[in-house]
Amino acid sequence: MTGLLASGALRERPAPRLVVTEDLVVRVWDRQHLLGHARLQTETGRQVQVVYPGWRSREAGPDFREALIALDGDLEQGDVEVHLRARDWDSHGHGVDPRYRGVILHVCLWADGAPASRRQDGELVPVLALYPHLRGSLEQALHERPYFLDQARSMRMPATIPLAPFLARKGVV
């Protein structure tokens, strides 16, 4: 966008800056196509494959519920908590809050040196920093539709993890 100087010359106005908020990171997680799926890794080097990112919760507790995540090929179902930085887990008090006992993956934009987060029950939750895995810009997250909505409309599975062993363990098949 341009502005007019007193001399009549045109000058460029600076573009508005993107404010990075936790809600933007939630959008990036929800819009999975911004991530390079073939190379997702936790801060400790575990391979991550997102089968289903979970449904967005609007209640107190984890940001996404009932996600299906393969960690090193082992399929797990549970909750996902999202933050700007990994240290926000502790600053928000999640490590002592029983509502976060079902979290299987702590997603953040920047890991800031935290390889894992500790739940109230003492279990360690792997940290996945999204920034190193972005295929697009953060600005795209504001405008693009959720990946899994597109997948559902085209009736394609979003991942290639075999679900039969997982469903058998859950007593579904």
Protein backbone atom coordinates (compact mmCIF):
# COMPACT_ATOMS: atom_id res chain seq x y z
CA MET A 1 0.00 0.00 0.00
CA THR A 2 1.29 3.45 -0.74
CA GLY A 3 0.94 6.89 0.77
CA LEU A 4 1.33 10.38 -0.67
CA LEU A 5 4.13 12.65 0.61
CA ALA A 6 3.70 16.43 0.83
CA SER A 7 5.88 16.70 -2.29
CA GLY A 8 3.43 14.53 -4.22
CA ALA A 9 5.84 11.58 -4.40
CA LEU A 10 4.53 8.15 -3.54
CA ARG A 11 6.14 6.13 -0.74
CA GLU A 12 5.63 2.55 0.39
CA ARG A 13 3.88 1.97 3.69
CA PRO A 14 5.27 -0.90 5.70
CA ALA A 15 3.22 -4.08 5.56
CA PRO A 16 1.39 -4.92 8.78
CA ARG A 17 3.38 -7.31 10.96
CA LEU A 18 2.05 -10.71 11.85
CA VAL A 19 1.47 -11.12 15.57
CA VAL A 20 2.32 -14.69 16.53
CA THR A 21 -0.15 -15.96 19.11
CA GLU A 22 -1.01 -19.35 20.53
CA ASP A 23 -4.18 -19.27 18.43
CA LEU A 24 -2.02 -19.03 15.30
CA VAL A 25 -0.06 -22.11 16.40
CA VAL A 26 -3.39 -23.90 16.97
CA ARG A 27 -4.32 -23.03 13.36
CA VAL A 28 -1.01 -24.42 12.09
CA TRP A 29 -1.67 -27.70 13.96
CA ASP A 30 -5.26 -27.81 12.70
CA ARG A 31 -4.16 -27.07 9.11
CA GLN A 32 -1.77 -29.97 8.82
CA HIS A 33 -0.84 -29.29 5.19
CA LEU A 34 1.54 -26.54 6.35
CA LEU A 35 3.75 -29.23 7.90
CA GLY A 36 6.22 -31.50 6.14
CA HIS A 37 4.73 -34.81 7.32
CA ALA A 38 7.53 -37.05 6.10
CA ARG A 39 10.02 -35.47 8.49
CA LEU A 40 8.17 -34.58 11.69
CA GLN A 41 10.33 -35.33 14.74
CA THR A 42 10.06 -34.61 18.43
CA GLU A 43 12.86 -32.80 20.22
CA THR A 44 14.28 -36.18 21.28
CA GLY A 45 14.29 -37.50 17.70
CA ARG A 46 11.14 -39.65 17.78
CA GLN A 47 9.38 -39.87 14.41
CA VAL A 48 5.86 -38.39 14.43
CA GLN A 49 3.06 -39.16 12.01
CA VAL A 50 -0.26 -37.40 12.48
CA VAL A 51 -3.12 -39.71 11.61
CA TYR A 52 -5.72 -37.35 13.08
CA PRO A 53 -4.80 -34.11 14.91
CA GLY A 54 -7.81 -34.37 17.24
CA TRP A 55 -10.90 -32.25 17.53
CA ARG A 56 -10.54 -28.69 18.77
CA SER A 57 -11.74 -28.35 22.34
CA ARG A 58 -13.21 -25.06 23.49
CA GLU A 59 -13.34 -26.15 27.14
CA ALA A 60 -10.71 -25.93 29.87
CA GLY A 61 -8.01 -28.53 29.34
CA PRO A 62 -6.01 -29.68 26.32
CA ASP A 63 -6.48 -27.87 23.02
CA PHE A 64 -7.19 -30.99 20.93
CA ARG A 65 -8.92 -34.19 22.05
CA GLU A 66 -8.76 -37.79 20.82
CA ALA A 67 -5.86 -37.29 18.43
CA LEU A 68 -4.28 -40.29 16.70
CA ILE A 69 -0.51 -39.91 16.65
CA ALA A 70 2.10 -42.48 15.62
CA LEU A 71 5.31 -42.07 17.63
CA ASP A 72 8.10 -44.17 16.10
CA GLY A 73 5.37 -46.18 14.35
CA ASP A 74 3.36 -46.94 17.54
CA LEU A 75 -0.13 -45.52 17.25
CA GLU A 76 -1.42 -43.66 20.31
CA GLN A 77 -4.71 -41.95 21.00
CA GLY A 78 -4.90 -39.00 23.36
CA ASP A 79 -4.89 -35.27 23.73
CA VAL A 80 -2.60 -32.63 22.24
CA GLU A 81 -1.69 -29.38 23.99
CA VAL A 82 -0.49 -26.42 21.92
CA HIS A 83 1.72 -23.48 22.99
CA LEU A 84 3.99 -20.85 21.49
CA ARG A 85 6.98 -22.17 23.47
CA ALA A 86 7.53 -25.47 25.24
CA ARG A 87 8.20 -23.70 28.54
CA ASP A 88 4.58 -22.47 28.50
CA TRP A 89 3.56 -25.98 29.70
CA ASP A 90 5.03 -25.23 33.11
CA SER A 91 4.15 -21.53 33.21
CA HIS A 92 0.49 -22.44 32.56
CA GLY A 93 0.56 -25.05 35.34
CA HIS A 94 -0.25 -28.08 33.15
CA GLY A 95 2.29 -30.27 34.94
CA VAL A 96 0.16 -30.22 38.09
CA ASP A 97 -3.27 -30.13 36.44
CA PRO A 98 -5.10 -33.50 36.21
CA ARG A 99 -6.96 -32.34 33.08
CA TYR A 100 -3.69 -32.83 31.14
CA ARG A 101 -3.10 -36.48 32.14
CA GLY A 102 -4.30 -37.62 28.71
CA VAL A 103 -1.86 -35.48 26.71
CA ILE A 104 0.31 -37.61 24.41
CA LEU A 105 1.99 -34.80 22.47
CA HIS A 106 2.98 -31.26 23.42
CA VAL A 107 3.02 -29.14 20.27
CA CYS A 108 4.67 -25.74 20.22
CA LEU A 109 6.07 -23.34 17.67
CA TRP A 110 9.48 -23.17 19.36
CA ALA A 111 10.91 -25.81 21.70
CA ASP A 112 13.24 -23.40 23.54
CA GLY A 113 15.40 -26.28 24.81
CA ALA A 114 12.66 -28.42 26.37
CA PRO A 115 12.87 -32.04 25.09
CA ALA A 116 9.75 -33.18 26.97
CA SER A 117 7.04 -31.96 29.34
CA ARG A 118 6.06 -33.75 32.56
CA ARG A 119 2.41 -34.56 33.30
CA GLN A 120 0.89 -34.66 36.79
CA ASP A 121 1.26 -38.47 36.85
CA GLY A 122 5.01 -38.14 36.21
CA GLU A 123 4.91 -39.34 32.59
CA LEU A 124 6.98 -37.42 30.07
CA VAL A 125 5.16 -35.98 27.04
CA PRO A 126 7.23 -35.56 23.87
CA VAL A 127 7.61 -32.02 22.52
CA LEU A 128 7.08 -31.35 18.82
CA ALA A 129 8.30 -27.93 17.68
CA LEU A 130 6.44 -26.96 14.51
CA TYR A 131 8.61 -24.09 13.27
CA PRO A 132 11.40 -26.28 11.83
CA HIS A 133 8.79 -28.35 9.95
CA LEU A 134 6.77 -25.56 8.32
CA ARG A 135 6.41 -25.82 4.54
CA GLY A 136 4.69 -22.48 4.25
CA SER A 137 4.58 -19.20 6.09
CA LEU A 138 2.73 -18.54 9.30
CA GLU A 139 0.62 -16.03 7.37
CA GLN A 140 -0.83 -18.93 5.35
CA ALA A 141 -2.32 -20.41 8.52
CA LEU A 142 -4.66 -17.43 8.74
CA HIS A 143 -6.21 -18.09 5.35
CA GLU A 144 -6.14 -21.80 4.57
CA ARG A 145 -8.76 -24.44 5.30
CA PRO A 146 -8.09 -27.34 7.65
CA TYR A 147 -6.23 -30.21 5.96
CA PHE A 148 -8.40 -32.96 7.41
CA LEU A 149 -11.58 -31.24 6.20
CA ASP A 150 -10.21 -31.46 2.66
CA GLN A 151 -9.18 -35.09 3.25
CA ALA A 152 -12.65 -36.03 4.49
CA ARG A 153 -14.30 -34.40 1.49
CA SER A 154 -12.15 -36.36 -0.91
CA MET A 155 -12.65 -39.58 1.14
CA ARG A 156 -8.91 -40.25 1.36
CA MET A 157 -7.17 -41.40 4.53
CA PRO A 158 -4.82 -38.68 5.84
CA ALA A 159 -2.02 -41.14 6.69
CA THR A 160 -0.74 -44.60 5.87
CA ILE A 161 -0.54 -46.01 9.41
CA PRO A 162 -2.25 -49.44 9.60
CA LEU A 163 -5.15 -48.92 11.97
CA ALA A 164 -6.11 -52.60 12.50
CA PRO A 165 -3.54 -53.33 15.28
CA PHE A 166 -4.50 -50.15 17.12
CA LEU A 167 -8.23 -50.84 16.83
CA ALA A 168 -7.69 -54.45 17.96
CA ARG A 169 -5.90 -53.21 21.11
CA LYS A 170 -8.86 -50.92 21.78
CA GLY A 171 -11.30 -53.83 21.33
CA VAL A 172 -12.95 -52.32 18.27
CA VAL A 173 -12.16 -55.16 15.82
